[in-house]
N, C-alpha and C. Protein backbone atom coordinates (compact mmCIF):
# COMPACT_ATOMS: atom_id res chain seq x y z
N MET A 1 83.21 100.66 87.13
CA MET A 1 84.50 100.03 87.28
C MET A 1 85.63 101.00 87.34
N SER A 2 85.43 102.28 86.97
CA SER A 2 86.45 103.30 86.92
C SER A 2 86.84 103.76 88.27
N ASP A 3 85.99 103.81 89.33
CA ASP A 3 86.32 104.14 90.64
C ASP A 3 86.92 103.13 91.48
N MET A 4 86.84 101.80 91.05
CA MET A 4 87.44 100.72 91.85
C MET A 4 88.92 100.73 91.74
N LYS A 5 89.68 100.27 92.69
CA LYS A 5 91.05 100.03 92.73
C LYS A 5 91.31 98.59 93.11
N LEU A 6 92.38 98.12 92.66
CA LEU A 6 92.94 96.73 93.08
C LEU A 6 94.12 96.78 93.89
N GLN A 7 94.19 96.15 95.03
CA GLN A 7 95.49 96.05 95.69
C GLN A 7 96.17 94.71 95.29
N ILE A 8 97.31 94.83 94.78
CA ILE A 8 97.98 93.62 94.20
C ILE A 8 99.24 93.31 95.11
N THR A 9 99.27 92.08 95.53
CA THR A 9 100.39 91.70 96.47
C THR A 9 101.10 90.51 95.79
N GLN A 10 102.48 90.72 95.69
CA GLN A 10 103.21 89.60 95.13
C GLN A 10 103.44 88.59 96.29
N VAL A 11 103.03 87.29 96.04
CA VAL A 11 103.19 86.28 97.06
C VAL A 11 104.19 85.28 96.70
N ARG A 12 104.67 85.21 95.46
CA ARG A 12 105.71 84.24 95.15
C ARG A 12 106.84 84.84 94.35
N SER A 13 108.03 84.28 94.41
CA SER A 13 109.08 84.78 93.63
C SER A 13 109.10 84.60 92.07
N THR A 14 109.78 85.31 91.37
CA THR A 14 109.80 85.16 89.93
C THR A 14 110.86 84.21 89.47
N ILE A 15 111.63 83.67 90.40
CA ILE A 15 112.62 82.65 89.99
C ILE A 15 111.96 81.45 89.27
N GLY A 16 112.51 81.14 88.09
CA GLY A 16 111.99 80.12 87.32
C GLY A 16 110.82 80.53 86.33
N CYS A 17 110.46 81.77 86.36
CA CYS A 17 109.36 82.29 85.50
C CYS A 17 109.91 82.77 84.13
N THR A 18 108.98 82.76 83.22
CA THR A 18 109.46 83.23 81.92
C THR A 18 109.79 84.73 82.00
N GLU A 19 110.41 85.31 80.92
CA GLU A 19 110.76 86.63 80.79
C GLU A 19 109.52 87.45 80.71
N LYS A 20 108.53 87.06 80.06
CA LYS A 20 107.25 87.80 79.92
C LYS A 20 106.64 88.00 81.31
N GLN A 21 106.59 86.85 82.20
CA GLN A 21 106.12 87.07 83.51
C GLN A 21 106.90 87.97 84.27
N LYS A 22 108.22 87.98 84.18
CA LYS A 22 109.09 88.84 84.94
C LYS A 22 108.89 90.26 84.60
N ALA A 23 108.71 90.50 83.28
CA ALA A 23 108.46 91.80 82.78
C ALA A 23 107.15 92.39 83.15
N THR A 24 106.15 91.57 83.31
CA THR A 24 104.83 91.90 83.74
C THR A 24 104.82 92.28 85.21
N ILE A 25 105.59 91.56 86.12
CA ILE A 25 105.62 91.85 87.56
C ILE A 25 106.35 93.28 87.63
N LYS A 26 107.29 93.45 86.87
CA LYS A 26 108.06 94.72 86.94
C LYS A 26 107.11 95.92 86.47
N ALA A 27 106.30 95.67 85.43
CA ALA A 27 105.40 96.67 84.88
C ALA A 27 104.26 97.02 85.99
N LEU A 28 103.90 96.05 86.73
CA LEU A 28 102.89 96.27 87.71
C LEU A 28 103.48 97.02 88.90
N GLY A 29 104.79 97.22 89.08
CA GLY A 29 105.42 97.92 90.11
C GLY A 29 105.82 97.01 91.20
N LEU A 30 105.81 95.74 91.03
CA LEU A 30 106.20 94.73 92.02
C LEU A 30 107.61 94.32 91.75
N GLY A 31 108.23 93.53 92.59
CA GLY A 31 109.50 93.11 92.29
C GLY A 31 110.03 91.96 93.29
N ARG A 32 109.41 91.93 94.55
CA ARG A 32 109.82 90.97 95.51
C ARG A 32 108.53 90.51 96.26
N PRO A 33 108.51 89.29 96.74
CA PRO A 33 107.46 88.87 97.52
C PRO A 33 107.07 89.78 98.66
N ASN A 34 105.76 90.00 98.94
CA ASN A 34 105.14 90.93 99.90
C ASN A 34 105.21 92.37 99.52
N TYR A 35 105.57 92.69 98.26
CA TYR A 35 105.36 94.07 97.81
C TYR A 35 103.95 94.22 97.48
N LYS A 36 103.42 95.43 97.70
CA LYS A 36 102.04 95.79 97.37
C LYS A 36 101.94 97.07 96.58
N VAL A 37 101.03 97.04 95.63
CA VAL A 37 100.69 98.24 94.88
C VAL A 37 99.21 98.31 94.74
N GLU A 38 98.72 99.52 94.51
CA GLU A 38 97.34 99.70 94.20
C GLU A 38 97.27 100.25 92.67
N LYS A 39 96.43 99.60 91.92
CA LYS A 39 96.16 99.93 90.47
C LYS A 39 94.77 100.08 90.25
N PRO A 40 94.43 100.95 89.24
CA PRO A 40 93.03 101.03 88.90
C PRO A 40 92.43 99.71 88.26
N ASP A 41 91.15 99.47 88.48
CA ASP A 41 90.51 98.29 88.01
C ASP A 41 90.10 98.61 86.60
N ASN A 42 90.91 98.24 85.64
CA ASN A 42 90.56 98.36 84.18
C ASN A 42 91.02 97.06 83.42
N PRO A 43 90.53 97.03 82.15
CA PRO A 43 90.97 95.74 81.35
C PRO A 43 92.48 95.54 81.30
N CYS A 44 93.19 96.65 81.16
CA CYS A 44 94.70 96.51 81.02
C CYS A 44 95.31 95.85 82.20
N THR A 45 94.89 96.43 83.40
CA THR A 45 95.46 95.90 84.64
C THR A 45 94.98 94.37 84.86
N ARG A 46 93.72 94.10 84.49
CA ARG A 46 93.20 92.75 84.68
C ARG A 46 93.99 91.80 83.74
N GLY A 47 94.31 92.26 82.53
CA GLY A 47 95.13 91.35 81.60
C GLY A 47 96.51 91.05 82.18
N GLN A 48 97.19 92.14 82.80
CA GLN A 48 98.53 91.91 83.38
C GLN A 48 98.37 90.82 84.52
N ILE A 49 97.37 90.99 85.31
CA ILE A 49 97.18 90.12 86.48
C ILE A 49 96.98 88.66 85.98
N ARG A 50 96.33 88.53 84.86
CA ARG A 50 95.93 87.11 84.37
C ARG A 50 97.26 86.50 83.88
N VAL A 51 98.25 87.28 83.44
CA VAL A 51 99.55 86.65 83.07
C VAL A 51 100.36 86.13 84.22
N VAL A 52 100.19 86.75 85.38
CA VAL A 52 100.92 86.39 86.60
C VAL A 52 100.07 86.03 87.79
N GLU A 53 98.87 85.50 87.42
CA GLU A 53 97.93 85.20 88.53
C GLU A 53 98.41 84.17 89.61
N HIS A 54 99.36 83.37 89.16
CA HIS A 54 99.94 82.36 90.12
C HIS A 54 100.98 82.95 90.99
N LEU A 55 101.36 84.26 90.83
CA LEU A 55 102.38 84.93 91.65
C LEU A 55 101.82 85.88 92.53
N VAL A 56 100.56 86.32 92.37
CA VAL A 56 100.04 87.49 93.10
C VAL A 56 98.65 87.20 93.67
N LYS A 57 98.34 87.95 94.65
CA LYS A 57 97.01 87.98 95.30
C LYS A 57 96.31 89.28 95.11
N VAL A 58 95.14 89.31 94.67
CA VAL A 58 94.34 90.60 94.32
C VAL A 58 93.29 90.70 95.23
N GLU A 59 93.18 91.98 95.70
CA GLU A 59 91.95 92.41 96.55
C GLU A 59 91.38 93.56 95.93
N GLU A 60 89.98 93.72 95.90
CA GLU A 60 89.30 94.87 95.41
C GLU A 60 89.08 95.91 96.51
N LEU A 61 89.42 97.13 96.16
CA LEU A 61 89.18 98.23 97.10
C LEU A 61 88.08 99.14 96.58
N SER A 62 87.32 99.76 97.47
CA SER A 62 86.29 100.65 97.00
C SER A 62 86.73 102.06 96.80
């Protein structure tokens, strides 16, 4: 799992979301719909994704 990366794409706006969800989006390096980032696949990142799973799309990269 250490060599894997995740491509995270924000697909929905944070308008109407809780402050925790907005902070998580910012911590992931996102901010607006269609922004993309690559993060390592680890439990910390997976936990952040779980908080905002309704706002993002996740793809696994090798």
